[in-house]
Amino acid sequence: MNTTTLTVTGMSCMGCVNSVKNLVSALPGVIAVDVDLASGRVEVRHDPARIDSSALRTAIEAGGYAVVG
């Protein structure tokens, strides 16, 4: 398992946190998602054979949020 940490902007409330969690959790190979609203940090544990960090980024951006870096 890999852990990918992304910095996400555009989250302003717990509803946003839940949206990001739902977007990422729905992807194949994602095992766990932890979102910290204050820092914008999204930590994803995933199976690298099934999903890579670019797919995580794409899913978050498709939900209307921005990934920094």
PDB file of N, CA and C in Angstrom:
ATOM      1  N   MET A   1       0.830  -1.181   0.000  1.00  0.00           N
ATOM      2  CA  MET A   1       0.000   0.000   0.000  1.00  0.00           C
ATOM      3  C   MET A   1       0.878   1.249   0.000  1.00  0.00           C
ATOM      4  N   ASN A   2       0.413   2.266  -0.679  1.00  0.00           N
ATOM      5  CA  ASN A   2       1.086   3.557  -0.708  1.00  0.00           C
ATOM      6  C   ASN A   2       0.229   4.588   0.011  1.00  0.00           C
ATOM      7  N   THR A   3       0.879   5.635   0.484  1.00  0.00           N
ATOM      8  CA  THR A   3       0.163   6.779   1.029  1.00  0.00           C
ATOM      9  C   THR A   3       0.555   7.994   0.207  1.00  0.00           C
ATOM     10  N   THR A   4      -0.433   8.670  -0.343  1.00  0.00           N
ATOM     11  CA  THR A   4      -0.215   9.885  -1.111  1.00  0.00           C
ATOM     12  C   THR A   4      -0.830  11.036  -0.339  1.00  0.00           C
ATOM     13  N   THR A   5      -0.075  12.111  -0.187  1.00  0.00           N
ATOM     14  CA  THR A   5      -0.572  13.292   0.499  1.00  0.00           C
ATOM     15  C   THR A   5      -0.686  14.428  -0.510  1.00  0.00           C
ATOM     16  N   LEU A   6      -1.875  15.015  -0.574  1.00  0.00           N
ATOM     17  CA  LEU A   6      -2.143  16.121  -1.489  1.00  0.00           C
ATOM     18  C   LEU A   6      -2.594  17.335  -0.682  1.00  0.00           C
ATOM     19  N   THR A   7      -2.317  18.519  -1.195  1.00  0.00           N
ATOM     20  CA  THR A   7      -2.830  19.746  -0.604  1.00  0.00           C
ATOM     21  C   THR A   7      -3.944  20.255  -1.503  1.00  0.00           C
ATOM     22  N   VAL A   8      -5.128  20.383  -0.923  1.00  0.00           N
ATOM     23  CA  VAL A   8      -6.323  20.744  -1.679  1.00  0.00           C
ATOM     24  C   VAL A   8      -6.830  22.103  -1.207  1.00  0.00           C
ATOM     25  N   THR A   9      -7.123  22.976  -2.156  1.00  0.00           N
ATOM     26  CA  THR A   9      -7.710  24.274  -1.827  1.00  0.00           C
ATOM     27  C   THR A   9      -9.157  24.300  -2.296  1.00  0.00           C
ATOM     28  N   GLY A  10      -9.917  25.196  -1.694  1.00  0.00           N
ATOM     29  CA  GLY A  10     -11.322  25.330  -2.055  1.00  0.00           C
ATOM     30  C   GLY A  10     -12.269  24.679  -1.064  1.00  0.00           C
ATOM     31  N   MET A  11     -11.715  24.012  -0.060  1.00  0.00           N
ATOM     32  CA  MET A  11     -12.565  23.411   0.974  1.00  0.00           C
ATOM     33  C   MET A  11     -12.795  24.448   2.067  1.00  0.00           C
ATOM     34  N   SER A  12     -14.066  24.681   2.405  1.00  0.00           N
ATOM     35  CA  SER A  12     -14.358  25.715   3.398  1.00  0.00           C
ATOM     36  C   SER A  12     -15.199  25.216   4.570  1.00  0.00           C
ATOM     37  N   CYS A  13     -15.664  23.968   4.496  1.00  0.00           N
ATOM     38  CA  CYS A  13     -16.537  23.468   5.559  1.00  0.00           C
ATOM     39  C   CYS A  13     -16.474  21.947   5.617  1.00  0.00           C
ATOM     40  N   MET A  14     -17.149  21.377   6.581  1.00  0.00           N
ATOM     41  CA  MET A  14     -17.161  19.919   6.711  1.00  0.00           C
ATOM     42  C   MET A  14     -17.898  19.256   5.541  1.00  0.00           C
ATOM     43  N   GLY A  15     -18.799  19.963   4.921  1.00  0.00           N
ATOM     44  CA  GLY A  15     -19.458  19.437   3.722  1.00  0.00           C
ATOM     45  C   GLY A  15     -18.447  19.227   2.604  1.00  0.00           C
ATOM     46  N   CYS A  16     -17.510  20.173   2.474  1.00  0.00           N
ATOM     47  CA  CYS A  16     -16.437  20.039   1.484  1.00  0.00           C
ATOM     48  C   CYS A  16     -15.550  18.847   1.819  1.00  0.00           C
ATOM     49  N   VAL A  17     -15.237  18.691   3.082  1.00  0.00           N
ATOM     50  CA  VAL A  17     -14.417  17.557   3.527  1.00  0.00           C
ATOM     51  C   VAL A  17     -15.108  16.256   3.134  1.00  0.00           C
ATOM     52  N   ASN A  18     -16.383  16.158   3.408  1.00  0.00           N
ATOM     53  CA  ASN A  18     -17.132  14.951   3.060  1.00  0.00           C
ATOM     54  C   ASN A  18     -17.179  14.728   1.554  1.00  0.00           C
ATOM     55  N   SER A  19     -17.314  15.806   0.790  1.00  0.00           N
ATOM     56  CA  SER A  19     -17.331  15.688  -0.670  1.00  0.00           C
ATOM     57  C   SER A  19     -16.019  15.127  -1.188  1.00  0.00           C
ATOM     58  N   VAL A  20     -14.903  15.662  -0.691  1.00  0.00           N
ATOM     59  CA  VAL A  20     -13.593  15.182  -1.123  1.00  0.00           C
ATOM     60  C   VAL A  20     -13.411  13.725  -0.722  1.00  0.00           C
ATOM     61  N   LYS A  21     -13.801  13.390   0.498  1.00  0.00           N
ATOM     62  CA  LYS A  21     -13.699  11.988   0.947  1.00  0.00           C
ATOM     63  C   LYS A  21     -14.502  11.075   0.030  1.00  0.00           C
ATOM     64  N   ASN A  22     -15.715  11.476  -0.306  1.00  0.00           N
ATOM     65  CA  ASN A  22     -16.572  10.653  -1.155  1.00  0.00           C
ATOM     66  C   ASN A  22     -16.004  10.518  -2.565  1.00  0.00           C
ATOM     67  N   LEU A  23     -15.472  11.615  -3.123  1.00  0.00           N
ATOM     68  CA  LEU A  23     -14.889  11.577  -4.461  1.00  0.00           C
ATOM     69  C   LEU A  23     -13.740  10.581  -4.522  1.00  0.00           C
ATOM     70  N   VAL A  24     -12.862  10.649  -3.536  1.00  0.00           N
ATOM     71  CA  VAL A  24     -11.661   9.814  -3.544  1.00  0.00           C
ATOM     72  C   VAL A  24     -11.983   8.379  -3.132  1.00  0.00           C
ATOM     73  N   SER A  25     -12.831   8.211  -2.149  1.00  0.00           N
ATOM     74  CA  SER A  25     -13.174   6.868  -1.661  1.00  0.00           C
ATOM     75  C   SER A  25     -13.830   6.017  -2.735  1.00  0.00           C
ATOM     76  N   ALA A  26     -14.494   6.642  -3.688  1.00  0.00           N
ATOM     77  CA  ALA A  26     -15.195   5.903  -4.742  1.00  0.00           C
ATOM     78  C   ALA A  26     -14.247   5.304  -5.774  1.00  0.00           C
ATOM     79  N   LEU A  27     -12.989   5.704  -5.755  1.00  0.00           N
ATOM     80  CA  LEU A  27     -12.035   5.223  -6.753  1.00  0.00           C
ATOM     81  C   LEU A  27     -11.553   3.817  -6.413  1.00  0.00           C
ATOM     82  N   PRO A  28     -11.359   2.985  -7.440  1.00  0.00           N
ATOM     83  CA  PRO A  28     -10.874   1.619  -7.188  1.00  0.00           C
ATOM     84  C   PRO A  28      -9.456   1.648  -6.622  1.00  0.00           C
ATOM     85  N   GLY A  29      -9.207   0.842  -5.621  1.00  0.00           N
ATOM     86  CA  GLY A  29      -7.877   0.756  -5.042  1.00  0.00           C
ATOM     87  C   GLY A  29      -7.645   1.673  -3.858  1.00  0.00           C
ATOM     88  N   VAL A  30      -8.610   2.562  -3.560  1.00  0.00           N
ATOM     89  CA  VAL A  30      -8.476   3.455  -2.405  1.00  0.00           C
ATOM     90  C   VAL A  30      -8.937   2.710  -1.158  1.00  0.00           C
ATOM     91  N   ILE A  31      -8.091   2.733  -0.130  1.00  0.00           N
ATOM     92  CA  ILE A  31      -8.385   2.004   1.097  1.00  0.00           C
ATOM     93  C   ILE A  31      -8.877   2.934   2.198  1.00  0.00           C
ATOM     94  N   ALA A  32      -8.267   4.115   2.302  1.00  0.00           N
ATOM     95  CA  ALA A  32      -8.655   5.064   3.350  1.00  0.00           C
ATOM     96  C   ALA A  32      -8.325   6.478   2.908  1.00  0.00           C
ATOM     97  N   VAL A  33      -9.156   7.425   3.376  1.00  0.00           N
ATOM     98  CA  VAL A  33      -8.959   8.840   3.072  1.00  0.00           C
ATOM     99  C   VAL A  33      -9.085   9.624   4.359  1.00  0.00           C
ATOM    100  N   ASP A  34      -8.111  10.491   4.613  1.00  0.00           N
ATOM    101  CA  ASP A  34      -8.149  11.364   5.781  1.00  0.00           C
ATOM    102  C   ASP A  34      -7.990  12.796   5.292  1.00  0.00           C
ATOM    103  N   VAL A  35      -8.930  13.672   5.655  1.00  0.00           N
ATOM    104  CA  VAL A  35      -8.907  15.063   5.208  1.00  0.00           C
ATOM    105  C   VAL A  35      -8.830  15.981   6.408  1.00  0.00           C
ATOM    106  N   ASP A  36      -7.882  16.919   6.370  1.00  0.00           N
ATOM    107  CA  ASP A  36      -7.756  17.939   7.408  1.00  0.00           C
ATOM    108  C   ASP A  36      -8.165  19.276   6.806  1.00  0.00           C
ATOM    109  N   LEU A  37      -9.301  19.801   7.237  1.00  0.00           N
ATOM    110  CA  LEU A  37      -9.845  21.031   6.672  1.00  0.00           C
ATOM    111  C   LEU A  37      -8.913  22.216   6.881  1.00  0.00           C
ATOM    112  N   ALA A  38      -8.365  22.368   8.069  1.00  0.00           N
ATOM    113  CA  ALA A  38      -7.540  23.538   8.391  1.00  0.00           C
ATOM    114  C   ALA A  38      -6.313  23.662   7.494  1.00  0.00           C
ATOM    115  N   SER A  39      -5.655  22.549   7.237  1.00  0.00           N
ATOM    116  CA  SER A  39      -4.430  22.591   6.432  1.00  0.00           C
ATOM    117  C   SER A  39      -4.675  22.297   4.956  1.00  0.00           C
ATOM    118  N   GLY A  40      -5.838  21.748   4.642  1.00  0.00           N
ATOM    119  CA  GLY A  40      -6.132  21.349   3.274  1.00  0.00           C
ATOM    120  C   GLY A  40      -5.446  20.052   2.880  1.00  0.00           C
ATOM    121  N   ARG A  41      -4.932  19.352   3.860  1.00  0.00           N
ATOM    122  CA  ARG A  41      -4.176  18.130   3.609  1.00  0.00           C
ATOM    123  C   ARG A  41      -5.123  16.943   3.424  1.00  0.00           C
ATOM    124  N   VAL A  42      -4.918  16.219   2.337  1.00  0.00           N
ATOM    125  CA  VAL A  42      -5.685  15.009   2.049  1.00  0.00           C
ATOM    126  C   VAL A  42      -4.687  13.864   1.941  1.00  0.00           C
ATOM    127  N   GLU A  43      -4.837  12.887   2.823  1.00  0.00           N
ATOM    128  CA  GLU A  43      -3.944  11.736   2.850  1.00  0.00           C
ATOM    129  C   GLU A  43      -4.733  10.518   2.395  1.00  0.00           C
ATOM    130  N   VAL A  44      -4.214   9.842   1.377  1.00  0.00           N
ATOM    131  CA  VAL A  44      -4.926   8.715   0.780  1.00  0.00           C
ATOM    132  C   VAL A  44      -4.049   7.468   0.825  1.00  0.00           C
ATOM    133  N   ARG A  45      -4.555   6.416   1.451  1.00  0.00           N
ATOM    134  CA  ARG A  45      -3.895   5.114   1.393  1.00  0.00           C
ATOM    135  C   ARG A  45      -4.529   4.339   0.245  1.00  0.00           C
ATOM    136  N   HIS A  46      -3.673   3.835  -0.646  1.00  0.00           N
ATOM    137  CA  HIS A  46      -4.200   3.190  -1.845  1.00  0.00           C
ATOM    138  C   HIS A  46      -3.262   2.107  -2.351  1.00  0.00           C
ATOM    139  N   ASP A  47      -3.814   1.258  -3.192  1.00  0.00           N
ATOM    140  CA  ASP A  47      -3.064   0.194  -3.845  1.00  0.00           C
ATOM    141  C   ASP A  47      -2.472   0.782  -5.130  1.00  0.00           C
ATOM    142  N   PRO A  48      -1.141   0.913  -5.217  1.00  0.00           N
ATOM    143  CA  PRO A  48      -0.526   1.538  -6.386  1.00  0.00           C
ATOM    144  C   PRO A  48      -0.706   0.739  -7.671  1.00  0.00           C
ATOM    145  N   ALA A  49      -1.031  -0.531  -7.560  1.00  0.00           N
ATOM    146  CA  ALA A  49      -1.281  -1.345  -8.748  1.00  0.00           C
ATOM    147  C   ALA A  49      -2.647  -1.034  -9.363  1.00  0.00           C
ATOM    148  N   ARG A  50      -3.519  -0.407  -8.578  1.00  0.00           N
ATOM    149  CA  ARG A  50      -4.880  -0.126  -9.065  1.00  0.00           C
ATOM    150  C   ARG A  50      -5.139   1.343  -9.345  1.00  0.00           C
ATOM    151  N   ILE A  51      -4.375   2.242  -8.694  1.00  0.00           N
ATOM    152  CA  ILE A  51      -4.608   3.677  -8.891  1.00  0.00           C
ATOM    153  C   ILE A  51      -3.328   4.444  -8.576  1.00  0.00           C
ATOM    154  N   ASP A  52      -3.111   5.540  -9.308  1.00  0.00           N
ATOM    155  CA  ASP A  52      -1.937   6.364  -9.045  1.00  0.00           C
ATOM    156  C   ASP A  52      -2.357   7.768  -8.614  1.00  0.00           C
ATOM    157  N   SER A  53      -1.381   8.567  -8.225  1.00  0.00           N
ATOM    158  CA  SER A  53      -1.691   9.886  -7.669  1.00  0.00           C
ATOM    159  C   SER A  53      -2.335  10.815  -8.690  1.00  0.00           C
ATOM    160  N   SER A  54      -2.045  10.641  -9.979  1.00  0.00           N
ATOM    161  CA  SER A  54      -2.674  11.519 -10.976  1.00  0.00           C
ATOM    162  C   SER A  54      -4.183  11.278 -11.041  1.00  0.00           C
ATOM    163  N   ALA A  55      -4.623  10.043 -10.845  1.00  0.00           N
ATOM    164  CA  ALA A  55      -6.059   9.744 -10.835  1.00  0.00           C
ATOM    165  C   ALA A  55      -6.729  10.347  -9.604  1.00  0.00           C
ATOM    166  N   LEU A  56      -6.014  10.362  -8.488  1.00  0.00           N
ATOM    167  CA  LEU A  56      -6.544  10.996  -7.270  1.00  0.00           C
ATOM    168  C   LEU A  56      -6.750  12.485  -7.516  1.00  0.00           C
ATOM    169  N   ARG A  57      -5.727  13.117  -8.088  1.00  0.00           N
ATOM    170  CA  ARG A  57      -5.786  14.547  -8.404  1.00  0.00           C
ATOM    171  C   ARG A  57      -6.949  14.855  -9.345  1.00  0.00           C
ATOM    172  N   THR A  58      -7.092  14.049 -10.381  1.00  0.00           N
ATOM    173  CA  THR A  58      -8.152  14.259 -11.371  1.00  0.00           C
ATOM    174  C   THR A  58      -9.535  14.180 -10.730  1.00  0.00           C
ATOM    175  N   ALA A  59      -9.735  13.224  -9.856  1.00  0.00           N
ATOM    176  CA  ALA A  59     -11.035  13.058  -9.190  1.00  0.00           C
ATOM    177  C   ALA A  59     -11.360  14.266  -8.320  1.00  0.00           C
ATOM    178  N   ILE A  60     -10.376  14.753  -7.585  1.00  0.00           N
ATOM    179  CA  ILE A  60     -10.592  15.913  -6.711  1.00  0.00           C
ATOM    180  C   ILE A  60     -10.879  17.162  -7.538  1.00  0.00           C
ATOM    181  N   GLU A  61     -10.123  17.356  -8.606  1.00  0.00           N
ATOM    182  CA  GLU A  61     -10.334  18.528  -9.452  1.00  0.00           C
ATOM    183  C   GLU A  61     -11.679  18.459 -10.185  1.00  0.00           C
ATOM    184  N   ALA A  62     -12.117  17.259 -10.539  1.00  0.00           N
ATOM    185  CA  ALA A  62     -13.423  17.098 -11.179  1.00  0.00           C
ATOM    186  C   ALA A  62     -14.552  17.490 -10.237  1.00  0.00           C
ATOM    187  N   GLY A  63     -14.290  17.407  -8.920  1.00  0.00           N
ATOM    188  CA  GLY A  63     -15.279  17.801  -7.920  1.00  0.00           C
ATOM    189  C   GLY A  63     -15.290  19.288  -7.648  1.00  0.00           C
ATOM    190  N   GLY A  64     -14.431  20.058  -8.332  1.00  0.00           N
ATOM    191  CA  GLY A  64     -14.451  21.511  -8.181  1.00  0.00           C
ATOM    192  C   GLY A  64     -13.405  22.065  -7.214  1.00  0.00           C
ATOM    193  N   TYR A  65     -12.492  21.220  -6.768  1.00  0.00           N
ATOM    194  CA  TYR A  65     -11.442  21.655  -5.844  1.00  0.00           C
ATOM    195  C   TYR A  65     -10.120  21.707  -6.608  1.00  0.00           C
ATOM    196  N   ALA A  66      -9.150  22.427  -6.072  1.00  0.00           N
ATOM    197  CA  ALA A  66      -7.843  22.529  -6.707  1.00  0.00           C
ATOM    198  C   ALA A  66      -6.808  21.780  -5.888  1.00  0.00           C
ATOM    199  N   VAL A  67      -5.895  21.109  -6.580  1.00  0.00           N
ATOM    200  CA  VAL A  67      -4.793  20.419  -5.933  1.00  0.00           C
ATOM    201  C   VAL A  67      -3.533  21.239  -6.168  1.00  0.00           C
ATOM    202  N   VAL A  68      -2.859  21.614  -5.097  1.00  0.00           N
ATOM    203  CA  VAL A  68      -1.670  22.452  -5.169  1.00  0.00           C
ATOM    204  C   VAL A  68      -0.441  21.561  -5.302  1.00  0.00           C
ATOM    205  N   GLY A  69       0.453  21.959  -6.199  1.00  0.00           N
ATOM    206  CA  GLY A  69       1.729  21.234  -6.357  1.00  0.00           C
ATOM    207  C   GLY A  69       1.697  20.110  -7.330  1.00  0.00           C
TER     208      GLY A  69
END
